[in-house]
């Protein structure tokens, strides 16, 4: 959430190139994966993420401050849900397979979401700098 602090809707939706992701898109992507991992850790049922397509949710048509606040709230809620799931997770299950199929352990899943979020937050920080440079040049 710190990486999104002070980011305007215009800055959040700005893209350096047409085929790249914006801060807003990255934030929603992070939210989805926080939701998905928390659900898997807590053995929850599939479904229920409020945006689609789930992995890379589409931006709302209305790119305004209220919709940006609403989507930042979604990011925070999904993050808080993940933190709660991790706090309630029994560490003796770390070596267990996470889910009914596959070979991913809970340790892999937890490490993976931390690395995933770190990677995309780095992209957000870079996009903030690029957006500022772009704004100063225009």
N, C-alpha and C. Protein backbone atom coordinates (compact mmCIF):
# COMPACT_ATOMS: atom_id res chain seq x y z
N UNK A 1 0.82 -1.19 0.00
CA UNK A 1 0.00 0.00 0.00
C UNK A 1 0.87 1.25 0.00
N UNK A 2 2.04 1.15 0.59
CA UNK A 2 2.93 2.30 0.61
C UNK A 2 3.33 2.75 -0.78
N UNK A 3 3.49 1.80 -1.68
CA UNK A 3 3.88 2.14 -3.06
C UNK A 3 2.76 2.88 -3.78
N UNK A 4 1.53 2.74 -3.34
CA UNK A 4 0.39 3.40 -3.99
C UNK A 4 0.04 4.74 -3.35
N UNK A 5 0.66 5.02 -2.20
CA UNK A 5 0.36 6.26 -1.49
C UNK A 5 0.72 7.47 -2.35
N UNK A 6 -0.21 8.39 -2.48
CA UNK A 6 0.04 9.62 -3.22
C UNK A 6 -0.05 9.50 -4.73
N UNK A 7 -0.36 8.31 -5.24
CA UNK A 7 -0.47 8.10 -6.68
C UNK A 7 -1.85 8.54 -7.14
N UNK A 8 -1.89 9.46 -8.09
CA UNK A 8 -3.17 9.96 -8.62
C UNK A 8 -3.75 8.95 -9.60
N UNK A 9 -5.04 9.07 -9.88
CA UNK A 9 -5.65 8.18 -10.89
C UNK A 9 -4.96 8.31 -12.25
N UNK A 10 -4.56 9.53 -12.60
CA UNK A 10 -3.88 9.75 -13.88
C UNK A 10 -2.54 9.03 -13.91
N UNK A 11 -1.79 9.15 -12.83
CA UNK A 11 -0.50 8.47 -12.74
C UNK A 11 -0.70 6.95 -12.69
N UNK A 12 -1.73 6.50 -11.99
CA UNK A 12 -1.99 5.07 -11.85
C UNK A 12 -2.36 4.42 -13.18
N UNK A 13 -3.03 5.16 -14.04
CA UNK A 13 -3.48 4.59 -15.31
C UNK A 13 -2.51 4.85 -16.47
N UNK A 14 -1.48 5.65 -16.23
CA UNK A 14 -0.50 5.97 -17.27
C UNK A 14 0.35 4.74 -17.63
N UNK A 15 0.64 4.59 -18.92
CA UNK A 15 1.50 3.51 -19.40
C UNK A 15 2.64 4.12 -20.22
N UNK A 16 3.85 3.62 -20.04
CA UNK A 16 4.97 4.14 -20.84
C UNK A 16 4.83 3.76 -22.31
N UNK A 17 4.17 2.64 -22.57
CA UNK A 17 3.90 2.16 -23.92
C UNK A 17 2.53 1.48 -23.89
N UNK A 18 1.90 1.42 -25.04
CA UNK A 18 0.53 0.88 -25.11
C UNK A 18 0.44 -0.57 -24.64
N UNK A 19 1.45 -1.37 -24.90
CA UNK A 19 1.37 -2.80 -24.56
C UNK A 19 2.02 -3.13 -23.22
N UNK A 20 2.16 -2.17 -22.34
CA UNK A 20 2.72 -2.39 -21.00
C UNK A 20 1.63 -2.18 -19.95
N UNK A 21 1.89 -2.65 -18.76
CA UNK A 21 0.92 -2.50 -17.68
C UNK A 21 1.11 -1.18 -16.96
N UNK A 22 0.01 -0.67 -16.44
CA UNK A 22 0.02 0.55 -15.63
C UNK A 22 0.14 0.18 -14.15
N UNK A 23 0.35 1.18 -13.33
CA UNK A 23 0.37 0.98 -11.88
C UNK A 23 -0.97 0.39 -11.43
N UNK A 24 -2.04 0.91 -11.96
CA UNK A 24 -3.39 0.45 -11.59
C UNK A 24 -3.56 -1.03 -11.92
N UNK A 25 -3.14 -1.41 -13.12
CA UNK A 25 -3.24 -2.82 -13.52
C UNK A 25 -2.38 -3.72 -12.63
N UNK A 26 -1.17 -3.26 -12.32
CA UNK A 26 -0.29 -4.04 -11.45
C UNK A 26 -0.89 -4.18 -10.06
N UNK A 27 -1.49 -3.11 -9.55
CA UNK A 27 -2.12 -3.16 -8.22
C UNK A 27 -3.25 -4.19 -8.19
N UNK A 28 -4.08 -4.21 -9.23
CA UNK A 28 -5.17 -5.18 -9.29
C UNK A 28 -4.65 -6.61 -9.45
N UNK A 29 -3.57 -6.77 -10.19
CA UNK A 29 -2.94 -8.09 -10.35
C UNK A 29 -2.42 -8.59 -9.00
N UNK A 30 -1.77 -7.72 -8.27
CA UNK A 30 -1.29 -8.08 -6.92
C UNK A 30 -2.47 -8.47 -6.04
N UNK A 31 -3.54 -7.68 -6.11
CA UNK A 31 -4.72 -7.97 -5.29
C UNK A 31 -5.26 -9.36 -5.59
N UNK A 32 -5.36 -9.69 -6.88
CA UNK A 32 -5.88 -11.01 -7.23
C UNK A 32 -5.02 -12.13 -6.64
N UNK A 33 -3.72 -12.02 -6.81
CA UNK A 33 -2.86 -13.11 -6.33
C UNK A 33 -2.80 -13.18 -4.82
N UNK A 34 -2.92 -12.04 -4.13
CA UNK A 34 -3.03 -12.09 -2.67
C UNK A 34 -4.31 -12.81 -2.29
N UNK A 35 -5.39 -12.52 -2.99
CA UNK A 35 -6.67 -13.19 -2.76
C UNK A 35 -6.54 -14.70 -3.01
N UNK A 36 -5.96 -15.06 -4.16
CA UNK A 36 -5.87 -16.47 -4.55
C UNK A 36 -5.02 -17.27 -3.57
N UNK A 37 -3.90 -16.71 -3.16
CA UNK A 37 -3.01 -17.44 -2.23
C UNK A 37 -3.65 -17.52 -0.85
N UNK A 38 -4.28 -16.45 -0.39
CA UNK A 38 -4.92 -16.52 0.93
C UNK A 38 -6.03 -17.57 0.93
N UNK A 39 -6.77 -17.65 -0.17
CA UNK A 39 -7.83 -18.65 -0.29
C UNK A 39 -7.24 -20.06 -0.23
N UNK A 40 -6.13 -20.25 -0.93
CA UNK A 40 -5.51 -21.57 -0.97
C UNK A 40 -4.92 -21.95 0.38
N UNK A 41 -4.31 -21.00 1.06
CA UNK A 41 -3.73 -21.26 2.39
C UNK A 41 -4.83 -21.60 3.39
N UNK A 42 -5.93 -20.89 3.29
CA UNK A 42 -7.04 -21.10 4.23
C UNK A 42 -7.99 -22.20 3.75
N UNK A 43 -7.62 -22.90 2.67
CA UNK A 43 -8.44 -23.97 2.10
C UNK A 43 -9.84 -23.48 1.73
N UNK A 44 -9.89 -22.28 1.23
CA UNK A 44 -11.18 -21.72 0.82
C UNK A 44 -11.60 -22.18 -0.55
N UNK A 45 -12.84 -21.95 -0.88
CA UNK A 45 -13.35 -22.35 -2.18
C UNK A 45 -12.90 -21.36 -3.25
N UNK A 46 -12.91 -21.81 -4.49
CA UNK A 46 -12.55 -20.95 -5.60
C UNK A 46 -13.68 -19.97 -5.89
N UNK A 47 -13.31 -18.93 -6.58
CA UNK A 47 -14.30 -17.93 -6.98
C UNK A 47 -14.44 -16.83 -5.96
N UNK A 48 -15.08 -15.78 -6.40
CA UNK A 48 -15.37 -14.72 -5.46
C UNK A 48 -14.54 -13.47 -5.62
N UNK A 49 -13.50 -13.46 -6.46
CA UNK A 49 -12.76 -12.23 -6.68
C UNK A 49 -13.66 -11.29 -7.46
N UNK A 50 -13.80 -10.04 -7.00
CA UNK A 50 -14.82 -9.17 -7.57
C UNK A 50 -14.52 -8.54 -8.93
N UNK A 51 -13.37 -8.83 -9.51
CA UNK A 51 -13.02 -8.22 -10.79
C UNK A 51 -12.67 -9.30 -11.79
N UNK A 52 -12.75 -8.97 -13.08
CA UNK A 52 -12.41 -9.95 -14.10
C UNK A 52 -11.73 -9.24 -15.28
N UNK A 53 -11.00 -9.97 -16.09
CA UNK A 53 -10.56 -11.34 -15.81
C UNK A 53 -9.69 -11.34 -14.55
N UNK A 54 -9.71 -12.41 -13.83
CA UNK A 54 -9.14 -12.45 -12.49
C UNK A 54 -7.65 -12.11 -12.43
N UNK A 55 -6.81 -12.76 -13.22
CA UNK A 55 -5.37 -12.60 -13.11
C UNK A 55 -4.91 -11.17 -13.43
N UNK A 56 -5.42 -10.61 -14.48
CA UNK A 56 -5.13 -9.23 -14.88
C UNK A 56 -6.46 -8.50 -15.07
N UNK A 57 -7.10 -8.09 -13.97
CA UNK A 57 -8.42 -7.46 -14.09
C UNK A 57 -8.39 -6.22 -14.98
N UNK A 58 -9.48 -6.06 -15.72
CA UNK A 58 -9.63 -4.88 -16.57
C UNK A 58 -9.81 -3.64 -15.69
N UNK A 59 -9.29 -2.53 -16.18
CA UNK A 59 -9.50 -1.28 -15.46
C UNK A 59 -10.96 -0.85 -15.61
N UNK A 60 -11.45 -0.12 -14.62
CA UNK A 60 -12.81 0.39 -14.76
C UNK A 60 -12.87 1.41 -15.90
N UNK A 61 -14.03 1.59 -16.45
CA UNK A 61 -14.18 2.59 -17.52
C UNK A 61 -13.96 4.00 -16.99
N UNK A 62 -14.35 4.22 -15.76
CA UNK A 62 -14.26 5.53 -15.12
C UNK A 62 -12.97 5.61 -14.31
N UNK A 63 -11.92 6.20 -14.87
CA UNK A 63 -10.61 6.27 -14.21
C UNK A 63 -10.52 7.56 -13.39
N UNK A 64 -11.29 7.59 -12.33
CA UNK A 64 -11.39 8.77 -11.48
C UNK A 64 -10.89 8.47 -10.07
N UNK A 65 -10.79 9.52 -9.27
CA UNK A 65 -10.35 9.35 -7.89
C UNK A 65 -11.22 8.36 -7.11
N UNK A 66 -12.55 8.42 -7.22
CA UNK A 66 -13.36 7.45 -6.47
C UNK A 66 -13.11 5.99 -6.88
N UNK A 67 -12.96 5.74 -8.19
CA UNK A 67 -12.72 4.35 -8.60
C UNK A 67 -11.32 3.91 -8.21
N UNK A 68 -10.35 4.82 -8.23
CA UNK A 68 -8.99 4.49 -7.80
C UNK A 68 -8.99 4.20 -6.30
N UNK A 69 -9.71 4.98 -5.51
CA UNK A 69 -9.82 4.70 -4.06
C UNK A 69 -10.45 3.33 -3.83
N UNK A 70 -11.49 3.03 -4.58
CA UNK A 70 -12.18 1.74 -4.44
C UNK A 70 -11.22 0.59 -4.77
N UNK A 71 -10.43 0.72 -5.82
CA UNK A 71 -9.51 -0.34 -6.19
C UNK A 71 -8.33 -0.43 -5.23
N UNK A 72 -7.88 0.70 -4.69
CA UNK A 72 -6.83 0.63 -3.65
C UNK A 72 -7.37 -0.08 -2.41
N UNK A 73 -8.65 0.13 -2.10
CA UNK A 73 -9.29 -0.57 -0.97
C UNK A 73 -9.31 -2.07 -1.23
N UNK A 74 -9.60 -2.46 -2.48
CA UNK A 74 -9.57 -3.88 -2.84
C UNK A 74 -8.17 -4.46 -2.63
N UNK A 75 -7.15 -3.73 -3.04
CA UNK A 75 -5.76 -4.18 -2.84
C UNK A 75 -5.50 -4.37 -1.35
N UNK A 76 -5.89 -3.40 -0.54
CA UNK A 76 -5.67 -3.48 0.91
C UNK A 76 -6.44 -4.65 1.52
N UNK A 77 -7.69 -4.81 1.13
CA UNK A 77 -8.52 -5.90 1.67
C UNK A 77 -7.91 -7.26 1.33
N UNK A 78 -7.44 -7.42 0.10
CA UNK A 78 -6.82 -8.70 -0.30
C UNK A 78 -5.52 -8.94 0.44
N UNK A 79 -4.75 -7.87 0.64
CA UNK A 79 -3.50 -8.00 1.40
C UNK A 79 -3.81 -8.38 2.86
N UNK A 80 -4.78 -7.69 3.46
CA UNK A 80 -5.15 -7.99 4.84
C UNK A 80 -5.64 -9.43 4.98
N UNK A 81 -6.38 -9.90 3.98
CA UNK A 81 -6.87 -11.29 3.98
C UNK A 81 -5.69 -12.27 3.93
N UNK A 82 -4.69 -11.95 3.12
CA UNK A 82 -3.49 -12.79 3.04
C UNK A 82 -2.75 -12.81 4.38
N UNK A 83 -2.56 -11.65 4.97
CA UNK A 83 -1.87 -11.57 6.26
C UNK A 83 -2.61 -12.39 7.31
N UNK A 84 -3.93 -12.29 7.33
CA UNK A 84 -4.74 -13.07 8.29
C UNK A 84 -4.56 -14.57 8.05
N UNK A 85 -4.59 -14.98 6.78
CA UNK A 85 -4.41 -16.40 6.46
C UNK A 85 -3.04 -16.89 6.90
N UNK A 86 -2.03 -16.07 6.70
CA UNK A 86 -0.67 -16.45 7.11
C UNK A 86 -0.55 -16.53 8.63
N UNK A 87 -1.17 -15.62 9.32
CA UNK A 87 -1.13 -15.64 10.79
C UNK A 87 -1.81 -16.89 11.35
N UNK A 88 -2.85 -17.35 10.67
CA UNK A 88 -3.59 -18.53 11.13
C UNK A 88 -3.02 -19.84 10.58
N UNK A 89 -2.02 -19.75 9.72
CA UNK A 89 -1.46 -20.94 9.09
C UNK A 89 -0.58 -21.72 10.07
N UNK A 90 -0.77 -23.02 10.11
CA UNK A 90 0.03 -23.90 10.97
C UNK A 90 1.35 -24.19 10.28
N UNK A 91 2.47 -23.71 10.81
CA UNK A 91 3.77 -23.90 10.15
C UNK A 91 4.18 -25.36 9.98
N UNK A 92 3.55 -26.25 10.71
CA UNK A 92 3.88 -27.67 10.54
C UNK A 92 3.43 -28.18 9.17
N UNK A 93 2.60 -27.38 8.46
CA UNK A 93 2.08 -27.75 7.14
C UNK A 93 2.94 -27.23 5.98
N UNK A 94 4.04 -26.53 6.27
CA UNK A 94 4.85 -25.90 5.23
C UNK A 94 5.30 -26.87 4.14
N UNK A 95 5.62 -28.10 4.50
CA UNK A 95 6.10 -29.08 3.52
C UNK A 95 4.95 -29.81 2.80
N UNK A 96 3.72 -29.60 3.25
CA UNK A 96 2.57 -30.24 2.61
C UNK A 96 2.31 -29.62 1.24
N UNK A 97 1.69 -30.42 0.38
CA UNK A 97 1.28 -29.94 -0.94
C UNK A 97 0.10 -28.98 -0.76
N UNK A 98 0.19 -27.83 -1.42
CA UNK A 98 -0.84 -26.78 -1.30
C UNK A 98 -1.92 -27.04 -2.34
N UNK A 99 -2.96 -27.70 -1.95
CA UNK A 99 -4.06 -27.99 -2.86
C UNK A 99 -4.15 -29.47 -3.16
N UNK A 100 -5.11 -29.79 -3.98
CA UNK A 100 -5.39 -31.20 -4.29
C UNK A 100 -4.52 -31.75 -5.40
N UNK A 101 -4.01 -30.90 -6.24
CA UNK A 101 -3.17 -31.35 -7.35
C UNK A 101 -1.89 -30.55 -7.38
N UNK A 102 -0.89 -31.06 -8.04
CA UNK A 102 0.35 -30.33 -8.20
C UNK A 102 1.43 -30.76 -7.23
N UNK A 103 2.53 -30.04 -7.31
CA UNK A 103 3.68 -30.35 -6.46
C UNK A 103 4.12 -29.16 -5.63
N UNK A 104 3.37 -28.08 -5.67
CA UNK A 104 3.73 -26.87 -4.93
C UNK A 104 3.43 -27.05 -3.46
N UNK A 105 4.44 -26.83 -2.64
CA UNK A 105 4.23 -26.90 -1.19
C UNK A 105 3.73 -25.55 -0.68
N UNK A 106 3.24 -25.55 0.54
CA UNK A 106 2.83 -24.29 1.15
C UNK A 106 4.03 -23.36 1.30
N UNK A 107 5.20 -23.91 1.60
CA UNK A 107 6.40 -23.08 1.69
C UNK A 107 6.69 -22.41 0.35
N UNK A 108 6.56 -23.15 -0.74
CA UNK A 108 6.75 -22.57 -2.08
C UNK A 108 5.71 -21.50 -2.36
N UNK A 109 4.48 -21.78 -2.02
CA UNK A 109 3.38 -20.85 -2.28
C UNK A 109 3.59 -19.54 -1.51
N UNK A 110 3.96 -19.64 -0.26
CA UNK A 110 4.16 -18.45 0.58
C UNK A 110 5.37 -17.67 0.10
N UNK A 111 6.46 -18.36 -0.17
CA UNK A 111 7.65 -17.69 -0.70
C UNK A 111 7.33 -17.04 -2.05
N UNK A 112 6.59 -17.74 -2.86
CA UNK A 112 6.22 -17.24 -4.18
C UNK A 112 5.42 -15.95 -4.13
N UNK A 113 4.45 -15.85 -3.22
CA UNK A 113 3.63 -14.64 -3.17
C UNK A 113 4.45 -13.46 -2.66
N UNK A 114 5.37 -13.71 -1.75
CA UNK A 114 6.25 -12.62 -1.29
C UNK A 114 7.11 -12.11 -2.44
N UNK A 115 7.70 -13.02 -3.18
CA UNK A 115 8.54 -12.62 -4.32
C UNK A 115 7.71 -11.96 -5.42
N UNK A 116 6.53 -12.48 -5.68
CA UNK A 116 5.62 -11.92 -6.68
C UNK A 116 5.30 -10.46 -6.34
N UNK A 117 4.88 -10.23 -5.11
CA UNK A 117 4.52 -8.87 -4.71
C UNK A 117 5.72 -7.94 -4.74
N UNK A 118 6.86 -8.42 -4.29
CA UNK A 118 8.08 -7.61 -4.30
C UNK A 118 8.45 -7.20 -5.72
N UNK A 119 8.38 -8.14 -6.65
CA UNK A 119 8.69 -7.87 -8.05
C UNK A 119 7.77 -6.78 -8.61
N UNK A 120 6.47 -6.94 -8.40
CA UNK A 120 5.52 -5.99 -8.97
C UNK A 120 5.55 -4.64 -8.26
N UNK A 121 5.84 -4.62 -6.97
CA UNK A 121 5.98 -3.33 -6.28
C UNK A 121 7.21 -2.60 -6.83
N UNK A 122 8.25 -3.33 -7.16
CA UNK A 122 9.40 -2.71 -7.82
C UNK A 122 9.01 -2.09 -9.15
N UNK A 123 8.17 -2.78 -9.91
CA UNK A 123 7.69 -2.22 -11.17
C UNK A 123 6.87 -0.95 -10.92
N UNK A 124 6.05 -0.97 -9.90
CA UNK A 124 5.24 0.21 -9.56
C UNK A 124 6.15 1.39 -9.22
N UNK A 125 7.17 1.15 -8.44
CA UNK A 125 8.10 2.23 -8.07
C UNK A 125 8.77 2.80 -9.31
N UNK A 126 9.17 1.93 -10.22
CA UNK A 126 9.80 2.38 -11.46
C UNK A 126 8.81 3.18 -12.31
N UNK A 127 7.58 2.71 -12.42
CA UNK A 127 6.57 3.42 -13.19
C UNK A 127 6.27 4.79 -12.58
N UNK A 128 6.31 4.91 -11.26
CA UNK A 128 6.10 6.22 -10.63
C UNK A 128 7.19 7.19 -11.07
N UNK A 129 8.43 6.73 -11.09
CA UNK A 129 9.53 7.59 -11.55
C UNK A 129 9.40 7.94 -13.02
N UNK A 130 9.05 6.95 -13.83
CA UNK A 130 8.88 7.20 -15.26
C UNK A 130 7.74 8.18 -15.52
N UNK A 131 6.65 8.04 -14.80
CA UNK A 131 5.50 8.94 -14.97
C UNK A 131 5.89 10.36 -14.58
N UNK A 132 6.65 10.52 -13.52
CA UNK A 132 7.10 11.84 -13.10
C UNK A 132 8.00 12.46 -14.16
N UNK A 133 8.94 11.67 -14.69
CA UNK A 133 9.83 12.17 -15.76
C UNK A 133 9.02 12.56 -16.97
N UNK A 134 8.06 11.73 -17.35
CA UNK A 134 7.22 12.00 -18.51
C UNK A 134 6.43 13.29 -18.33
N UNK A 135 5.88 13.47 -17.14
CA UNK A 135 5.10 14.66 -16.83
C UNK A 135 5.97 15.92 -16.88
N UNK A 136 7.20 15.82 -16.39
CA UNK A 136 8.12 16.96 -16.40
C UNK A 136 8.56 17.33 -17.79
N UNK A 137 8.61 16.36 -18.70
CA UNK A 137 9.06 16.61 -20.06
C UNK A 137 7.96 17.15 -20.97
N UNK A 138 6.70 16.98 -20.53
CA UNK A 138 5.60 17.43 -21.40
C UNK A 138 5.02 18.75 -20.95
